[in-house]
Amino acid sequence: MLDKVDERLGARVRIEREIRGWSLTELAKRSGVSRAMIHKVERGEASPTAMLLARLSGAFEISMSTLMVRAEMQEGLLLRKDDQPVWIDPVTGYARRHVSPRSVTPIDVIDVDFPPGKESGFPASSYANRKHLVWVLAGELVFIEGGVRHGMREGDCLELGPPSDCIFRNETAEPCRYAVIVLREA
């Protein structure tokens, strides 16, 4: 059974598609995700993976963070920890907590708990028209940006360059925790 986050994400994907006047076929063409899978996600019959959400948000020309915010949160200046939306990738098991409140401030802060030995990739479209920082809070993270490998340890912070396909990888036997700070369009 899917949780409320997955249901809200599916509803938000449908809303984003309909706002643009796109059919399922059009969104499938733009995102590279099959029509059948988009239909299942929109109806709350499938839990979307991080890669799938990245492809859909890229097609909408918004960040995955923006898609999550639109699906989850109300306006306000304070977002208490118990109210912060948490989404768990069904493939890697990584837990993504949206920390920052939804407001006019064009910054999203995401806290990620990344299990040992896991990897998650995102297409370049996930990084278009926005600036990203990746800050390692605990453990070690390998971040591959295009063809460049960045080995990062606790306290290290990386500003991403021009949009390219990226991979987050935990090559250790210990969990990794990192924050992603996104400067989005206001």
Protein backbone atom coordinates (compact mmCIF):
# COMPACT_ATOMS: atom_id res chain seq x y z
CA MET A 1 0.00 0.00 0.00
CA LEU A 2 1.34 3.43 -0.92
CA ASP A 3 1.70 6.19 1.63
CA LYS A 4 0.22 9.68 1.58
CA VAL A 5 3.42 11.22 0.17
CA ASP A 6 3.24 8.97 -2.91
CA GLU A 7 -0.44 9.77 -3.36
CA ARG A 8 0.20 13.53 -3.11
CA LEU A 9 3.14 13.27 -5.51
CA GLY A 10 0.98 11.43 -8.03
CA ALA A 11 -1.75 14.05 -7.75
CA ARG A 12 0.83 16.83 -8.17
CA VAL A 13 2.28 15.19 -11.30
CA ARG A 14 -1.21 15.08 -12.79
CA ILE A 15 -1.82 18.74 -11.87
CA GLU A 16 1.52 19.84 -13.37
CA ARG A 17 0.73 17.90 -16.56
CA GLU A 18 -2.79 19.31 -16.83
CA ILE A 19 -1.67 22.90 -16.12
CA ARG A 20 0.51 22.62 -19.22
CA GLY A 21 -2.28 21.07 -21.26
CA TRP A 22 -0.21 17.94 -21.89
CA SER A 23 -1.56 14.48 -22.51
CA LEU A 24 0.05 11.45 -20.89
CA THR A 25 1.68 10.80 -24.26
CA GLU A 26 3.20 14.30 -24.36
CA LEU A 27 4.62 14.00 -20.83
CA ALA A 28 5.99 10.54 -21.67
CA LYS A 29 7.70 11.95 -24.77
CA ARG A 30 9.20 14.91 -22.86
CA SER A 31 10.33 12.89 -19.83
CA GLY A 32 11.34 9.53 -21.26
CA VAL A 33 9.00 7.83 -18.75
CA SER A 34 6.44 5.40 -20.15
CA ARG A 35 2.80 6.44 -20.42
CA ALA A 36 1.80 3.42 -18.36
CA MET A 37 4.15 4.31 -15.51
CA ILE A 38 3.03 7.96 -15.46
CA HIS A 39 -0.58 6.79 -15.36
CA LYS A 40 0.18 4.47 -12.41
CA VAL A 41 1.99 7.24 -10.53
CA GLU A 42 -0.80 9.75 -11.12
CA ARG A 43 -3.43 7.27 -9.89
CA GLY A 44 -1.39 6.41 -6.80
CA GLU A 45 -0.83 2.83 -7.98
CA ALA A 46 2.99 3.02 -8.06
CA SER A 47 5.63 4.54 -5.82
CA PRO A 48 7.88 6.75 -7.97
CA THR A 49 11.64 6.34 -7.80
CA ALA A 50 14.04 9.26 -7.48
CA MET A 51 15.08 8.86 -11.13
CA LEU A 52 11.47 8.86 -12.30
CA LEU A 53 10.68 12.01 -10.28
CA ALA A 54 13.81 13.68 -11.64
CA ARG A 55 12.76 12.92 -15.21
CA LEU A 56 9.22 14.19 -14.67
CA SER A 57 10.31 17.37 -12.89
CA GLY A 58 12.89 17.98 -15.63
CA ALA A 59 10.15 17.71 -18.26
CA PHE A 60 8.12 20.26 -16.29
CA GLU A 61 11.25 22.47 -16.09
CA ILE A 62 11.08 22.55 -12.30
CA SER A 63 13.37 20.96 -9.73
CA MET A 64 12.48 17.76 -7.95
CA SER A 65 12.46 19.88 -4.79
CA THR A 66 9.86 22.21 -6.27
CA LEU A 67 7.70 19.26 -7.30
CA MET A 68 7.96 17.87 -3.76
CA VAL A 69 7.17 21.24 -2.18
CA ARG A 70 4.12 21.72 -4.39
CA ALA A 71 2.91 18.24 -3.47
CA GLU A 72 3.51 18.49 0.24
CA MET A 73 3.56 21.80 1.97
CA GLN A 74 1.53 24.80 2.96
CA GLU A 75 2.84 28.38 3.01
CA GLY A 76 4.43 29.57 6.25
CA LEU A 77 7.62 30.72 7.91
CA LEU A 78 8.02 27.80 10.31
CA LEU A 79 8.09 24.15 9.29
CA ARG A 80 8.41 21.93 12.32
CA LYS A 81 10.36 18.69 11.99
CA ASP A 82 7.26 16.56 12.53
CA ASP A 83 5.58 18.37 9.62
CA GLN A 84 8.52 18.14 7.20
CA PRO A 85 7.65 15.80 4.35
CA VAL A 86 9.81 12.68 4.13
CA TRP A 87 9.97 10.61 0.99
CA ILE A 88 11.79 7.28 0.75
CA ASP A 89 13.11 6.11 -2.61
CA PRO A 90 11.74 2.59 -3.13
CA VAL A 91 14.88 1.49 -5.01
CA THR A 92 17.74 2.76 -2.81
CA GLY A 93 15.93 3.31 0.47
CA TYR A 94 17.31 6.81 0.78
CA ALA A 95 15.18 9.12 2.90
CA ARG A 96 14.68 12.68 1.67
CA ARG A 97 13.34 15.25 4.15
CA HIS A 98 12.29 18.66 2.87
CA VAL A 99 13.48 20.93 5.69
CA SER A 100 12.75 24.45 4.44
CA PRO A 101 9.28 25.98 4.69
CA ARG A 102 7.40 26.86 1.53
CA SER A 103 7.70 30.61 1.21
CA VAL A 104 8.65 33.37 -1.19
CA THR A 105 12.32 32.79 -0.32
CA PRO A 106 13.75 31.00 -3.37
CA ILE A 107 15.73 28.43 -1.37
CA ASP A 108 14.97 24.77 -0.75
CA VAL A 109 16.89 22.80 1.86
CA ILE A 110 16.76 19.01 1.67
CA ASP A 111 18.22 16.60 4.24
CA VAL A 112 19.10 13.15 2.87
CA ASP A 113 19.94 9.94 4.73
CA PHE A 114 21.74 7.75 2.22
CA PRO A 115 22.21 4.04 3.02
CA PRO A 116 25.59 2.33 2.65
CA GLY A 117 26.47 0.80 -0.71
CA LYS A 118 23.74 2.63 -2.62
CA GLU A 119 23.72 4.85 -5.69
CA SER A 120 21.18 7.21 -7.21
CA GLY A 121 21.48 9.04 -10.53
CA PHE A 122 19.72 12.12 -11.86
CA PRO A 123 19.58 13.53 -15.40
CA ALA A 124 21.00 16.95 -16.28
CA SER A 125 17.46 18.34 -16.59
CA SER A 126 17.18 18.06 -12.78
CA TYR A 127 19.82 20.75 -12.42
CA ALA A 128 18.81 23.18 -15.17
CA ASN A 129 18.05 26.81 -14.28
CA ARG A 130 18.96 26.47 -10.61
CA LYS A 131 22.06 26.44 -8.42
CA HIS A 132 22.80 23.50 -6.11
CA LEU A 133 25.10 22.97 -3.16
CA VAL A 134 25.76 19.52 -1.72
CA TRP A 135 26.96 19.60 1.89
CA VAL A 136 28.03 16.37 3.61
CA LEU A 137 26.80 16.35 7.23
CA ALA A 138 28.03 12.87 8.25
CA GLY A 139 29.88 10.02 6.59
CA GLU A 140 31.29 10.03 3.07
CA LEU A 141 29.69 10.69 -0.30
CA VAL A 142 30.94 10.27 -3.84
CA PHE A 143 29.30 12.74 -6.17
CA ILE A 144 29.85 12.25 -9.89
CA GLU A 145 29.05 15.34 -11.95
CA GLY A 146 29.25 14.53 -15.64
CA GLY A 147 32.61 12.78 -15.83
CA VAL A 148 34.08 14.42 -12.70
CA ARG A 149 34.25 12.43 -9.46
CA HIS A 150 34.13 14.33 -6.16
CA GLY A 151 35.02 12.33 -3.04
CA MET A 152 33.46 14.18 -0.13
CA ARG A 153 33.73 13.81 3.65
CA GLU A 154 31.87 15.30 6.60
CA GLY A 155 31.85 19.10 6.36
CA ASP A 156 32.71 19.25 2.65
CA CYS A 157 30.43 21.39 0.48
CA LEU A 158 30.31 21.35 -3.33
CA GLU A 159 28.69 23.87 -5.65
CA LEU A 160 27.49 22.13 -8.80
CA GLY A 161 28.62 23.41 -12.16
CA PRO A 162 26.65 23.56 -15.40
CA PRO A 163 23.84 20.98 -15.65
CA SER A 164 25.03 17.46 -16.35
CA ASP A 165 23.97 13.94 -15.45
CA CYS A 166 24.91 13.31 -11.81
CA ILE A 167 25.26 10.34 -9.49
CA PHE A 168 25.17 10.26 -5.70
CA ARG A 169 27.03 7.22 -4.36
CA ASN A 170 27.77 5.90 -0.88
CA GLU A 171 30.69 3.51 -1.36
CA THR A 172 31.16 2.88 2.36
CA ALA A 173 29.62 0.44 4.84
CA GLU A 174 28.29 3.38 6.90
CA PRO A 175 25.27 5.63 6.28
CA CYS A 176 25.85 9.07 4.82
CA ARG A 177 23.85 12.18 5.59
CA TYR A 178 24.00 15.23 3.39
CA ALA A 179 22.06 18.39 2.64
CA VAL A 180 21.16 19.75 -0.76
CA ILE A 181 20.56 23.48 -0.90
CA VAL A 182 18.78 24.64 -4.06
CA LEU A 183 18.45 28.24 -5.19
CA ARG A 184 15.30 28.08 -7.28
CA GLU A 185 13.63 30.64 -9.46
CA ALA A 186 11.56 32.98 -7.29
